[in-house]
Amino acid sequence: MSISKKVEVNKVSNVVNMKIVHAIRYEVFVNGQNCPAELEHANEEESIHFLATVDGVPAGACRWRKTENGYKLERFAVLKEFRGIGVGQQMVKTVLADLPNGVEYVYLNSQIDAVSLYEKFGFVKEGPEFTEAGIKHYKMIRK
């Protein structure tokens, strides 16, 4: 019998929660995927940040920001021990619900392994595969 976990995703901006968000992203991207640390903090100030918890324990982080092209979903990171229980899906759902009403162009750069997650929310691949921070990605747009 599986035990149900309570997954929550909340918008955060205070210093304590932002330190947790950054620690999660550092663990997933810098330690886990060898991404350059300096890339990890780009565009922080203009982004809206979210922290995911499982039974109150920090589990994931993500953000969105308005760019000259539209609204971009970014930095979706789930700690290894919390993968496969719906944290990523709840983060995508929460971020999409937080976007301003009537936005027309929503996009992201998905790592290859995460394409199927975003497809569940109406995103489709656009253009060729590309490499960002040494990892293969596809640009995806929401239809």
N, C-alpha and C. Protein backbone atom coordinates (compact mmCIF):
# COMPACT_ATOMS: atom_id res chain seq x y z
N MET A 1 0.84 -1.19 0.00
CA MET A 1 0.00 0.00 0.00
C MET A 1 0.88 1.25 0.00
N SER A 2 0.67 2.15 -0.97
CA SER A 2 1.48 3.36 -1.02
C SER A 2 0.91 4.41 -0.08
N ILE A 3 1.79 5.18 0.47
CA ILE A 3 1.39 6.23 1.39
C ILE A 3 1.28 7.53 0.59
N SER A 4 0.14 8.20 0.71
CA SER A 4 -0.09 9.43 -0.02
C SER A 4 0.76 10.55 0.57
N LYS A 5 1.39 11.31 -0.30
CA LYS A 5 2.21 12.44 0.11
C LYS A 5 1.48 13.72 -0.25
N LYS A 6 1.56 14.72 0.63
CA LYS A 6 0.93 16.01 0.36
C LYS A 6 1.94 16.92 -0.33
N VAL A 7 1.68 17.20 -1.61
CA VAL A 7 2.55 18.07 -2.41
C VAL A 7 1.90 19.46 -2.46
N GLU A 8 2.67 20.47 -2.05
CA GLU A 8 2.21 21.85 -2.11
C GLU A 8 3.23 22.68 -2.85
N VAL A 9 2.76 23.65 -3.62
CA VAL A 9 3.64 24.58 -4.32
C VAL A 9 3.15 25.98 -4.02
N ASN A 10 4.06 26.81 -3.50
CA ASN A 10 3.69 28.17 -3.12
C ASN A 10 4.68 29.19 -3.67
N LYS A 11 4.14 30.36 -4.02
CA LYS A 11 4.97 31.47 -4.46
C LYS A 11 5.77 31.95 -3.25
N VAL A 12 7.05 32.24 -3.45
CA VAL A 12 7.90 32.70 -2.36
C VAL A 12 8.72 33.91 -2.78
N SER A 13 9.05 34.74 -1.79
CA SER A 13 9.92 35.88 -2.06
C SER A 13 10.77 36.26 -0.86
N ASN A 14 10.45 35.74 0.33
CA ASN A 14 11.24 36.14 1.49
C ASN A 14 12.62 35.47 1.46
N VAL A 15 13.54 36.04 2.21
CA VAL A 15 14.94 35.62 2.18
C VAL A 15 15.11 34.15 2.56
N VAL A 16 14.42 33.70 3.58
CA VAL A 16 14.56 32.32 4.05
C VAL A 16 14.13 31.34 2.95
N ASN A 17 12.96 31.55 2.39
CA ASN A 17 12.48 30.65 1.33
C ASN A 17 13.32 30.75 0.07
N MET A 18 13.81 31.93 -0.26
CA MET A 18 14.65 32.07 -1.44
C MET A 18 15.97 31.31 -1.27
N LYS A 19 16.49 31.27 -0.06
CA LYS A 19 17.71 30.48 0.19
C LYS A 19 17.44 29.00 -0.04
N ILE A 20 16.26 28.53 0.33
CA ILE A 20 15.88 27.13 0.10
C ILE A 20 15.74 26.86 -1.39
N VAL A 21 15.07 27.77 -2.10
CA VAL A 21 14.91 27.65 -3.55
C VAL A 21 16.28 27.54 -4.22
N HIS A 22 17.19 28.43 -3.84
CA HIS A 22 18.53 28.42 -4.45
C HIS A 22 19.30 27.16 -4.09
N ALA A 23 19.13 26.67 -2.88
CA ALA A 23 19.83 25.43 -2.47
C ALA A 23 19.32 24.23 -3.29
N ILE A 24 18.02 24.17 -3.52
CA ILE A 24 17.46 23.08 -4.33
C ILE A 24 17.99 23.16 -5.75
N ARG A 25 17.94 24.32 -6.34
CA ARG A 25 18.42 24.48 -7.72
C ARG A 25 19.91 24.18 -7.82
N TYR A 26 20.67 24.60 -6.84
CA TYR A 26 22.11 24.33 -6.85
C TYR A 26 22.37 22.82 -6.79
N GLU A 27 21.64 22.13 -5.93
CA GLU A 27 21.81 20.69 -5.80
C GLU A 27 21.46 19.97 -7.10
N VAL A 28 20.33 20.35 -7.71
CA VAL A 28 19.87 19.67 -8.93
C VAL A 28 20.73 20.04 -10.14
N PHE A 29 20.95 21.32 -10.35
CA PHE A 29 21.61 21.76 -11.58
C PHE A 29 23.14 21.75 -11.50
N VAL A 30 23.70 22.34 -10.44
CA VAL A 30 25.15 22.47 -10.35
C VAL A 30 25.78 21.14 -9.90
N ASN A 31 25.31 20.61 -8.78
CA ASN A 31 25.88 19.35 -8.29
C ASN A 31 25.42 18.15 -9.12
N GLY A 32 24.14 18.08 -9.43
CA GLY A 32 23.59 16.92 -10.12
C GLY A 32 23.85 16.86 -11.61
N GLN A 33 23.87 18.05 -12.27
CA GLN A 33 23.98 18.05 -13.73
C GLN A 33 25.21 18.82 -14.23
N ASN A 34 26.05 19.25 -13.31
CA ASN A 34 27.30 19.96 -13.67
C ASN A 34 27.07 21.23 -14.47
N CYS A 35 25.97 21.94 -14.21
CA CYS A 35 25.74 23.21 -14.86
C CYS A 35 26.64 24.27 -14.22
N PRO A 36 27.10 25.25 -14.99
CA PRO A 36 27.92 26.31 -14.40
C PRO A 36 27.13 27.09 -13.35
N ALA A 37 27.73 27.29 -12.18
CA ALA A 37 27.04 27.96 -11.07
C ALA A 37 26.60 29.37 -11.44
N GLU A 38 27.38 30.08 -12.26
CA GLU A 38 27.03 31.46 -12.59
C GLU A 38 25.75 31.55 -13.43
N LEU A 39 25.44 30.50 -14.20
CA LEU A 39 24.19 30.50 -14.97
C LEU A 39 22.97 30.37 -14.07
N GLU A 40 23.17 29.78 -12.93
CA GLU A 40 22.07 29.47 -12.03
C GLU A 40 21.37 30.71 -11.49
N HIS A 41 22.06 31.83 -11.41
CA HIS A 41 21.46 33.03 -10.80
C HIS A 41 21.06 34.10 -11.81
N ALA A 42 21.12 33.78 -13.10
CA ALA A 42 20.72 34.76 -14.12
C ALA A 42 19.22 35.05 -14.01
N ASN A 43 18.86 36.31 -14.19
CA ASN A 43 17.46 36.77 -14.25
C ASN A 43 16.67 36.53 -12.97
N GLU A 44 17.33 36.50 -11.84
CA GLU A 44 16.65 36.25 -10.57
C GLU A 44 15.66 37.35 -10.19
N GLU A 45 16.08 38.60 -10.36
CA GLU A 45 15.29 39.72 -9.85
C GLU A 45 13.94 39.86 -10.54
N GLU A 46 13.87 39.58 -11.85
CA GLU A 46 12.61 39.75 -12.57
C GLU A 46 11.76 38.49 -12.59
N SER A 47 12.17 37.47 -11.86
CA SER A 47 11.44 36.20 -11.86
C SER A 47 10.50 36.08 -10.67
N ILE A 48 9.43 35.30 -10.85
CA ILE A 48 8.49 34.95 -9.80
C ILE A 48 8.84 33.51 -9.39
N HIS A 49 9.17 33.32 -8.13
CA HIS A 49 9.71 32.04 -7.66
C HIS A 49 8.69 31.21 -6.88
N PHE A 50 8.87 29.88 -6.95
CA PHE A 50 7.99 28.94 -6.27
C PHE A 50 8.81 27.87 -5.56
N LEU A 51 8.28 27.44 -4.42
CA LEU A 51 8.89 26.37 -3.64
C LEU A 51 7.87 25.25 -3.49
N ALA A 52 8.28 24.04 -3.84
CA ALA A 52 7.42 22.86 -3.67
C ALA A 52 7.84 22.13 -2.42
N THR A 53 6.87 21.65 -1.67
CA THR A 53 7.15 20.84 -0.48
C THR A 53 6.34 19.54 -0.56
N VAL A 54 6.87 18.51 0.07
CA VAL A 54 6.18 17.24 0.20
C VAL A 54 6.08 16.98 1.69
N ASP A 55 4.85 16.94 2.18
CA ASP A 55 4.61 16.80 3.63
C ASP A 55 5.41 17.83 4.42
N GLY A 56 5.50 19.05 3.87
CA GLY A 56 6.18 20.15 4.54
C GLY A 56 7.68 20.20 4.35
N VAL A 57 8.26 19.24 3.65
CA VAL A 57 9.71 19.19 3.44
C VAL A 57 10.04 19.77 2.06
N PRO A 58 10.98 20.72 1.96
CA PRO A 58 11.34 21.28 0.66
C PRO A 58 11.74 20.19 -0.33
N ALA A 59 11.14 20.24 -1.53
CA ALA A 59 11.33 19.17 -2.51
C ALA A 59 11.66 19.67 -3.91
N GLY A 60 11.23 20.89 -4.25
CA GLY A 60 11.43 21.38 -5.61
C GLY A 60 11.31 22.88 -5.68
N ALA A 61 11.75 23.42 -6.82
CA ALA A 61 11.70 24.86 -7.03
C ALA A 61 11.52 25.13 -8.52
N CYS A 62 10.95 26.28 -8.83
CA CYS A 62 10.79 26.71 -10.21
C CYS A 62 10.49 28.20 -10.23
N ARG A 63 10.37 28.74 -11.44
CA ARG A 63 10.06 30.17 -11.56
C ARG A 63 9.48 30.46 -12.94
N TRP A 64 8.90 31.66 -13.07
CA TRP A 64 8.51 32.17 -14.38
C TRP A 64 8.93 33.63 -14.44
N ARG A 65 9.07 34.11 -15.68
CA ARG A 65 9.38 35.53 -15.86
C ARG A 65 8.86 35.98 -17.22
N LYS A 66 8.58 37.27 -17.29
CA LYS A 66 8.15 37.87 -18.55
C LYS A 66 9.40 38.26 -19.31
N THR A 67 9.47 37.84 -20.58
CA THR A 67 10.58 38.21 -21.44
C THR A 67 10.04 39.03 -22.61
N GLU A 68 10.93 39.48 -23.48
CA GLU A 68 10.46 40.22 -24.66
C GLU A 68 9.67 39.32 -25.60
N ASN A 69 9.80 37.99 -25.45
CA ASN A 69 9.08 37.05 -26.31
C ASN A 69 7.74 36.59 -25.74
N GLY A 70 7.56 36.69 -24.44
CA GLY A 70 6.36 36.20 -23.79
C GLY A 70 6.67 35.79 -22.37
N TYR A 71 5.99 34.75 -21.88
CA TYR A 71 6.19 34.29 -20.51
C TYR A 71 6.96 32.98 -20.55
N LYS A 72 8.07 32.95 -19.82
CA LYS A 72 8.97 31.80 -19.86
C LYS A 72 8.98 31.08 -18.52
N LEU A 73 8.74 29.77 -18.56
CA LEU A 73 8.84 28.92 -17.38
C LEU A 73 10.27 28.42 -17.31
N GLU A 74 10.86 28.45 -16.10
CA GLU A 74 12.28 28.13 -15.98
C GLU A 74 12.62 27.43 -14.68
N ARG A 75 13.80 26.84 -14.69
CA ARG A 75 14.48 26.31 -13.50
C ARG A 75 13.64 25.32 -12.70
N PHE A 76 12.94 24.45 -13.41
CA PHE A 76 12.16 23.42 -12.73
C PHE A 76 13.13 22.37 -12.20
N ALA A 77 13.18 22.24 -10.89
CA ALA A 77 14.12 21.34 -10.24
C ALA A 77 13.41 20.58 -9.11
N VAL A 78 13.54 19.26 -9.13
CA VAL A 78 12.99 18.42 -8.06
C VAL A 78 14.14 17.60 -7.50
N LEU A 79 14.29 17.63 -6.18
CA LEU A 79 15.34 16.84 -5.54
C LEU A 79 15.12 15.36 -5.83
N LYS A 80 16.21 14.64 -6.01
CA LYS A 80 16.17 13.23 -6.43
C LYS A 80 15.22 12.38 -5.60
N GLU A 81 15.24 12.55 -4.29
CA GLU A 81 14.41 11.70 -3.42
C GLU A 81 12.91 11.98 -3.53
N PHE A 82 12.53 13.05 -4.23
CA PHE A 82 11.11 13.40 -4.38
C PHE A 82 10.60 13.24 -5.81
N ARG A 83 11.40 12.67 -6.68
CA ARG A 83 10.99 12.50 -8.07
C ARG A 83 10.02 11.33 -8.21
N GLY A 84 9.12 11.45 -9.18
CA GLY A 84 8.19 10.36 -9.47
C GLY A 84 6.93 10.33 -8.64
N ILE A 85 6.69 11.38 -7.84
CA ILE A 85 5.47 11.40 -7.00
C ILE A 85 4.56 12.59 -7.33
N GLY A 86 4.82 13.25 -8.45
CA GLY A 86 3.94 14.33 -8.90
C GLY A 86 4.37 15.74 -8.55
N VAL A 87 5.56 15.91 -8.00
CA VAL A 87 6.02 17.25 -7.64
C VAL A 87 6.15 18.13 -8.89
N GLY A 88 6.77 17.61 -9.93
CA GLY A 88 6.93 18.38 -11.17
C GLY A 88 5.60 18.79 -11.77
N GLN A 89 4.65 17.86 -11.81
CA GLN A 89 3.33 18.17 -12.36
C GLN A 89 2.65 19.27 -11.55
N GLN A 90 2.74 19.19 -10.24
CA GLN A 90 2.10 20.21 -9.39
C GLN A 90 2.77 21.57 -9.58
N MET A 91 4.09 21.57 -9.79
CA MET A 91 4.78 22.84 -10.04
C MET A 91 4.31 23.46 -11.35
N VAL A 92 4.24 22.66 -12.42
CA VAL A 92 3.79 23.20 -13.71
C VAL A 92 2.37 23.74 -13.58
N LYS A 93 1.49 22.97 -12.96
CA LYS A 93 0.09 23.38 -12.78
C LYS A 93 0.00 24.71 -12.02
N THR A 94 0.76 24.84 -10.94
CA THR A 94 0.73 26.05 -10.11
C THR A 94 1.28 27.25 -10.86
N VAL A 95 2.39 27.07 -11.55
CA VAL A 95 2.99 28.18 -12.29
C VAL A 95 2.06 28.65 -13.41
N LEU A 96 1.49 27.73 -14.15
CA LEU A 96 0.56 28.12 -15.22
C LEU A 96 -0.63 28.89 -14.66
N ALA A 97 -1.14 28.47 -13.52
CA ALA A 97 -2.27 29.16 -12.89
C ALA A 97 -1.89 30.55 -12.40
N ASP A 98 -0.61 30.77 -12.12
CA ASP A 98 -0.15 32.06 -11.59
C ASP A 98 0.11 33.09 -12.69
N LEU A 99 0.24 32.66 -13.93
CA LEU A 99 0.49 33.62 -15.01
C LEU A 99 -0.68 34.58 -15.14
N PRO A 100 -0.41 35.80 -15.57
CA PRO A 100 -1.52 36.76 -15.75
C PRO A 100 -2.58 36.22 -16.72
N ASN A 101 -3.82 36.62 -16.51
CA ASN A 101 -4.91 36.20 -17.40
C ASN A 101 -4.65 36.70 -18.81
N GLY A 102 -4.98 35.85 -19.78
CA GLY A 102 -4.93 36.27 -21.17
C GLY A 102 -3.55 36.24 -21.82
N VAL A 103 -2.55 35.67 -21.16
CA VAL A 103 -1.24 35.62 -21.80
C VAL A 103 -1.33 34.74 -23.04
N GLU A 104 -0.66 35.17 -24.10
CA GLU A 104 -0.78 34.46 -25.36
C GLU A 104 0.39 33.54 -25.65
N TYR A 105 1.59 33.92 -25.23
CA TYR A 105 2.76 33.13 -25.60
C TYR A 105 3.48 32.67 -24.33
N VAL A 106 3.43 31.37 -24.08
CA VAL A 106 4.10 30.76 -22.93
C VAL A 106 5.06 29.71 -23.48
N TYR A 107 6.31 29.78 -23.03
CA TYR A 107 7.32 28.86 -23.56
C TYR A 107 8.31 28.46 -22.49
N LEU A 108 9.15 27.49 -22.83
CA LEU A 108 10.20 27.03 -21.94
C LEU A 108 11.22 26.26 -22.74
N ASN A 109 12.37 26.04 -22.13
CA ASN A 109 13.40 25.17 -22.71
C ASN A 109 13.44 23.92 -21.85
N SER A 110 12.98 22.81 -22.40
CA SER A 110 12.87 21.57 -21.65
C SER A 110 14.06 20.65 -21.89
N GLN A 111 14.61 20.13 -20.78
CA GLN A 111 15.58 19.06 -20.94
C GLN A 111 14.84 17.89 -21.59
N ILE A 112 15.55 17.10 -22.38
CA ILE A 112 14.94 15.99 -23.12
C ILE A 112 14.11 15.09 -22.20
N ASP A 113 14.64 14.78 -21.02
CA ASP A 113 13.95 13.87 -20.10
C ASP A 113 12.63 14.42 -19.57
N ALA A 114 12.42 15.74 -19.67
CA ALA A 114 11.21 16.34 -19.11
C ALA A 114 10.16 16.69 -20.17
N VAL A 115 10.44 16.44 -21.44
CA VAL A 115 9.50 16.80 -22.51
C VAL A 115 8.11 16.23 -22.25
N SER A 116 8.02 14.97 -21.86
CA SER A 116 6.70 14.35 -21.66
C SER A 116 5.91 15.02 -20.53
N LEU A 117 6.59 15.53 -19.53
CA LEU A 117 5.91 16.26 -18.45
C LEU A 117 5.20 17.48 -19.02
N TYR A 118 5.93 18.27 -19.78
CA TYR A 118 5.34 19.51 -20.31
C TYR A 118 4.28 19.24 -21.37
N GLU A 119 4.41 18.14 -22.12
CA GLU A 119 3.40 17.79 -23.11
C GLU A 119 2.04 17.57 -22.45
N LYS A 120 2.03 17.08 -21.21
CA LYS A 120 0.77 16.87 -20.47
C LYS A 120 0.01 18.17 -20.26
N PHE A 121 0.71 19.30 -20.36
CA PHE A 121 0.11 20.61 -20.11
C PHE A 121 -0.04 21.42 -21.40
N GLY A 122 0.00 20.73 -22.54
CA GLY A 122 -0.25 21.39 -23.82
C GLY A 122 0.96 22.01 -24.49
N PHE A 123 2.15 21.76 -23.99
CA PHE A 123 3.36 22.27 -24.64
C PHE A 123 3.75 21.34 -25.78
N VAL A 124 4.26 21.93 -26.86
CA VAL A 124 4.75 21.15 -28.00
C VAL A 124 6.16 21.61 -28.35
N LYS A 125 6.96 20.66 -28.84
CA LYS A 125 8.33 21.00 -29.25
C LYS A 125 8.28 21.92 -30.45
N GLU A 126 9.18 22.89 -30.45
CA GLU A 126 9.30 23.82 -31.58
C GLU A 126 10.77 23.94 -31.93
N GLY A 127 11.12 23.59 -33.15
CA GLY A 127 12.50 23.73 -33.59
C GLY A 127 13.35 22.52 -33.22
N PRO A 128 14.63 22.58 -33.59
CA PRO A 128 15.52 21.45 -33.39
C PRO A 128 16.00 21.33 -31.94
N GLU A 129 16.50 20.15 -31.63
CA GLU A 129 17.15 19.93 -30.34
C GLU A 129 18.36 20.86 -30.26
N PHE A 130 18.67 21.36 -29.05
CA PHE A 130 19.85 22.20 -28.86
C PHE A 130 20.48 21.89 -27.51
N THR A 131 21.70 22.34 -27.34
CA THR A 131 22.41 22.10 -26.09
C THR A 131 22.54 23.40 -25.32
N GLU A 132 22.16 23.35 -24.04
CA GLU A 132 22.27 24.50 -23.14
C GLU A 132 22.92 24.00 -21.86
N ALA A 133 23.99 24.64 -21.43
CA ALA A 133 24.72 24.23 -20.22
C ALA A 133 25.14 22.75 -20.30
N GLY A 134 25.47 22.32 -21.51
CA GLY A 134 25.94 20.95 -21.70
C GLY A 134 24.85 19.89 -21.69
N ILE A 135 23.56 20.31 -21.70
CA ILE A 135 22.43 19.38 -21.61
C ILE A 135 21.53 19.59 -22.82
N LYS A 136 21.05 18.50 -23.41
CA LYS A 136 20.18 18.59 -24.58
C LYS A 136 18.78 19.04 -24.17
N HIS A 137 18.24 19.98 -24.96
CA HIS A 137 16.94 20.60 -24.70
C HIS A 137 16.13 20.69 -25.99
N TYR A 138 14.83 20.96 -25.80
CA TYR A 138 13.95 21.41 -26.86
C TYR A 138 13.25 22.66 -26.37
N LYS A 139 13.07 23.62 -27.27
CA LYS A 139 12.18 24.74 -26.97
C LYS A 139 10.77 24.19 -27.08
N MET A 140 9.91 24.53 -26.14
CA MET A 140 8.52 24.10 -26.18
C MET A 140 7.62 25.30 -25.98
N ILE A 141 6.52 25.33 -26.73
CA ILE A 141 5.54 26.41 -26.58
C ILE A 141 4.18 25.81 -26.22
N ARG A 142 3.40 26.59 -25.50
CA ARG A 142 2.08 26.10 -25.08
C ARG A 142 1.06 26.47 -26.15
N LYS A 143 0.35 25.45 -26.61
CA LYS A 143 -0.66 25.64 -27.65
C LYS A 143 -2.03 25.81 -27.03
